[in-house]
Amino acid sequence: MLKKTPKDDLASWKLTSRDAPPQNGEHVIVLRGGRTLLPMIFHATPLWRWESPDGGRVFDFRYFDQWRRS
């Protein structure tokens, strides 16, 4: 898990929304409940989802509240 730093300003975070998703295959940091920061990769096909860099964990797109570019 990553720790928040002063660089983690609110402007860099985007709400998890189909209106403004990351690019397919993009490495991002996701946030859930305002405190859990995890590195993930966004995949748009065959279903929108977040996958851990090691491929060991997969989450539904709406599972995390916010994301930002890493």
N, C-alpha and C. Protein backbone atom coordinates (compact mmCIF):
# COMPACT_ATOMS: atom_id res chain seq x y z
N MET A 1 0.84 -1.18 0.00
CA MET A 1 0.00 0.00 0.00
C MET A 1 0.89 1.24 0.00
N LEU A 2 0.49 2.23 -0.74
CA LEU A 2 1.23 3.48 -0.82
C LEU A 2 0.75 4.44 0.26
N LYS A 3 1.64 5.33 0.68
CA LYS A 3 1.26 6.34 1.67
C LYS A 3 1.02 7.66 0.96
N LYS A 4 0.12 8.46 1.51
CA LYS A 4 -0.14 9.77 0.94
C LYS A 4 1.06 10.68 1.19
N THR A 5 1.32 11.54 0.23
CA THR A 5 2.38 12.53 0.36
C THR A 5 1.78 13.89 0.09
N PRO A 6 2.52 14.96 0.39
CA PRO A 6 2.00 16.31 0.09
C PRO A 6 1.66 16.50 -1.38
N LYS A 7 2.29 15.71 -2.28
CA LYS A 7 2.00 15.82 -3.71
C LYS A 7 0.62 15.26 -4.07
N ASP A 8 0.01 14.50 -3.17
CA ASP A 8 -1.29 13.90 -3.45
C ASP A 8 -2.41 14.93 -3.26
N ASP A 9 -2.36 16.01 -4.05
CA ASP A 9 -3.37 17.05 -3.92
C ASP A 9 -4.70 16.58 -4.51
N LEU A 10 -5.75 17.21 -4.09
CA LEU A 10 -7.09 16.80 -4.52
C LEU A 10 -7.33 17.00 -6.01
N ALA A 11 -6.65 17.94 -6.63
CA ALA A 11 -6.87 18.24 -8.05
C ALA A 11 -6.44 17.07 -8.94
N SER A 12 -5.50 16.26 -8.50
CA SER A 12 -5.01 15.17 -9.35
C SER A 12 -5.95 13.95 -9.33
N TRP A 13 -6.86 13.88 -8.37
CA TRP A 13 -7.77 12.74 -8.25
C TRP A 13 -9.01 12.93 -9.12
N LYS A 14 -9.44 11.86 -9.76
CA LYS A 14 -10.65 11.88 -10.59
C LYS A 14 -11.63 10.87 -10.02
N LEU A 15 -12.91 11.20 -10.05
CA LEU A 15 -13.92 10.25 -9.61
C LEU A 15 -13.98 9.09 -10.60
N THR A 16 -14.19 7.89 -10.06
CA THR A 16 -14.35 6.73 -10.92
C THR A 16 -15.68 6.87 -11.66
N SER A 17 -15.59 7.10 -12.95
CA SER A 17 -16.78 7.39 -13.74
C SER A 17 -16.54 6.94 -15.18
N ARG A 18 -17.59 6.49 -15.81
CA ARG A 18 -17.48 6.11 -17.23
C ARG A 18 -17.32 7.34 -18.12
N ASP A 19 -17.53 8.53 -17.56
CA ASP A 19 -17.36 9.76 -18.34
C ASP A 19 -15.89 10.12 -18.55
N ALA A 20 -15.02 9.69 -17.64
CA ALA A 20 -13.61 10.05 -17.75
C ALA A 20 -12.72 8.93 -17.20
N PRO A 21 -12.69 7.78 -17.88
CA PRO A 21 -11.86 6.67 -17.39
C PRO A 21 -10.40 6.86 -17.79
N PRO A 22 -9.50 6.11 -17.16
CA PRO A 22 -8.11 6.10 -17.64
C PRO A 22 -8.05 5.46 -19.02
N GLN A 23 -6.92 5.53 -19.65
CA GLN A 23 -6.73 4.86 -20.95
C GLN A 23 -6.54 3.36 -20.70
N ASN A 24 -6.95 2.55 -21.65
CA ASN A 24 -6.79 1.11 -21.53
C ASN A 24 -5.32 0.77 -21.33
N GLY A 25 -5.01 -0.01 -20.30
CA GLY A 25 -3.64 -0.39 -19.99
C GLY A 25 -2.86 0.61 -19.16
N GLU A 26 -3.50 1.71 -18.78
CA GLU A 26 -2.82 2.76 -18.03
C GLU A 26 -2.58 2.35 -16.58
N HIS A 27 -1.38 2.61 -16.08
CA HIS A 27 -1.04 2.38 -14.68
C HIS A 27 -1.50 3.58 -13.87
N VAL A 28 -2.28 3.33 -12.82
CA VAL A 28 -2.84 4.39 -12.01
C VAL A 28 -2.74 4.03 -10.52
N ILE A 29 -3.09 4.99 -9.68
CA ILE A 29 -3.24 4.76 -8.25
C ILE A 29 -4.73 4.92 -7.96
N VAL A 30 -5.30 3.97 -7.22
CA VAL A 30 -6.73 4.02 -6.91
C VAL A 30 -6.94 4.27 -5.42
N LEU A 31 -8.10 4.81 -5.10
CA LEU A 31 -8.44 5.22 -3.75
C LEU A 31 -9.83 4.70 -3.41
N ARG A 32 -9.96 4.13 -2.23
CA ARG A 32 -11.27 3.66 -1.77
C ARG A 32 -11.45 4.08 -0.33
N GLY A 33 -12.60 4.70 -0.04
CA GLY A 33 -12.89 5.10 1.32
C GLY A 33 -11.99 6.22 1.83
N GLY A 34 -11.35 6.93 0.94
CA GLY A 34 -10.53 8.07 1.33
C GLY A 34 -9.20 7.72 1.96
N ARG A 35 -8.82 6.43 2.00
CA ARG A 35 -7.57 6.13 2.68
C ARG A 35 -6.74 5.01 2.07
N THR A 36 -7.26 4.19 1.22
CA THR A 36 -6.49 3.08 0.67
C THR A 36 -5.93 3.45 -0.70
N LEU A 37 -4.62 3.52 -0.81
CA LEU A 37 -3.97 3.84 -2.08
C LEU A 37 -3.31 2.57 -2.61
N LEU A 38 -3.68 2.17 -3.80
CA LEU A 38 -3.12 0.96 -4.40
C LEU A 38 -2.73 1.22 -5.85
N PRO A 39 -1.60 0.69 -6.30
CA PRO A 39 -1.28 0.77 -7.72
C PRO A 39 -2.13 -0.26 -8.47
N MET A 40 -2.70 0.14 -9.58
CA MET A 40 -3.53 -0.74 -10.39
C MET A 40 -3.32 -0.42 -11.87
N ILE A 41 -3.79 -1.32 -12.71
CA ILE A 41 -3.81 -1.11 -14.16
C ILE A 41 -5.26 -1.16 -14.59
N PHE A 42 -5.69 -0.16 -15.37
CA PHE A 42 -7.06 -0.14 -15.87
C PHE A 42 -7.12 -0.93 -17.18
N HIS A 43 -8.13 -1.81 -17.28
CA HIS A 43 -8.37 -2.56 -18.51
C HIS A 43 -9.80 -2.30 -18.96
N ALA A 44 -9.96 -1.98 -20.23
CA ALA A 44 -11.28 -1.67 -20.77
C ALA A 44 -11.94 -2.85 -21.49
N THR A 45 -11.16 -3.89 -21.81
CA THR A 45 -11.75 -5.02 -22.52
C THR A 45 -11.37 -6.32 -21.83
N PRO A 46 -12.18 -7.32 -21.79
CA PRO A 46 -13.55 -7.34 -22.30
C PRO A 46 -14.53 -6.59 -21.39
N LEU A 47 -14.15 -6.40 -20.11
CA LEU A 47 -14.96 -5.61 -19.17
C LEU A 47 -14.08 -4.57 -18.50
N TRP A 48 -14.66 -3.43 -18.15
CA TRP A 48 -13.91 -2.40 -17.42
C TRP A 48 -13.56 -2.94 -16.05
N ARG A 49 -12.26 -2.89 -15.71
CA ARG A 49 -11.83 -3.44 -14.44
C ARG A 49 -10.46 -2.87 -14.06
N TRP A 50 -10.12 -3.05 -12.80
CA TRP A 50 -8.80 -2.71 -12.27
C TRP A 50 -8.07 -4.02 -12.00
N GLU A 51 -6.81 -4.09 -12.35
CA GLU A 51 -6.03 -5.29 -12.11
C GLU A 51 -4.71 -4.89 -11.44
N SER A 52 -4.29 -5.66 -10.43
CA SER A 52 -3.02 -5.37 -9.78
C SER A 52 -1.88 -5.61 -10.77
N PRO A 53 -0.76 -4.91 -10.62
CA PRO A 53 0.35 -5.06 -11.56
C PRO A 53 0.85 -6.50 -11.69
N ASP A 54 0.72 -7.30 -10.63
CA ASP A 54 1.17 -8.69 -10.70
C ASP A 54 0.09 -9.63 -11.26
N GLY A 55 -1.09 -9.09 -11.54
CA GLY A 55 -2.19 -9.87 -12.09
C GLY A 55 -2.91 -10.75 -11.08
N GLY A 56 -2.54 -10.63 -9.81
CA GLY A 56 -3.12 -11.48 -8.77
C GLY A 56 -4.47 -11.04 -8.25
N ARG A 57 -4.82 -9.77 -8.45
CA ARG A 57 -6.11 -9.27 -7.95
C ARG A 57 -6.81 -8.49 -9.06
N VAL A 58 -8.12 -8.68 -9.14
CA VAL A 58 -8.94 -7.97 -10.13
C VAL A 58 -10.15 -7.41 -9.40
N PHE A 59 -10.48 -6.14 -9.70
CA PHE A 59 -11.60 -5.47 -9.07
C PHE A 59 -12.53 -4.89 -10.13
N ASP A 60 -13.81 -4.88 -9.85
CA ASP A 60 -14.79 -4.23 -10.70
C ASP A 60 -14.44 -2.75 -10.82
N PHE A 61 -14.75 -2.14 -11.94
CA PHE A 61 -14.44 -0.73 -12.18
C PHE A 61 -14.99 0.19 -11.10
N ARG A 62 -16.18 -0.08 -10.60
CA ARG A 62 -16.81 0.80 -9.61
C ARG A 62 -16.35 0.52 -8.17
N TYR A 63 -15.48 -0.46 -7.97
CA TYR A 63 -15.04 -0.81 -6.62
C TYR A 63 -14.29 0.35 -5.95
N PHE A 64 -13.45 1.05 -6.70
CA PHE A 64 -12.70 2.16 -6.15
C PHE A 64 -13.42 3.48 -6.42
N ASP A 65 -13.28 4.42 -5.50
CA ASP A 65 -13.99 5.71 -5.59
C ASP A 65 -13.30 6.69 -6.52
N GLN A 66 -11.97 6.71 -6.48
CA GLN A 66 -11.21 7.69 -7.25
C GLN A 66 -9.94 7.06 -7.80
N TRP A 67 -9.36 7.73 -8.80
CA TRP A 67 -8.10 7.30 -9.36
C TRP A 67 -7.28 8.51 -9.78
N ARG A 68 -5.98 8.31 -9.92
CA ARG A 68 -5.09 9.35 -10.47
C ARG A 68 -3.97 8.67 -11.22
N ARG A 69 -3.38 9.39 -12.13
CA ARG A 69 -2.24 8.85 -12.88
C ARG A 69 -1.07 8.65 -11.93
N SER A 70 -0.33 7.58 -12.15
CA SER A 70 0.82 7.33 -11.27
C SER A 70 2.09 7.91 -11.82
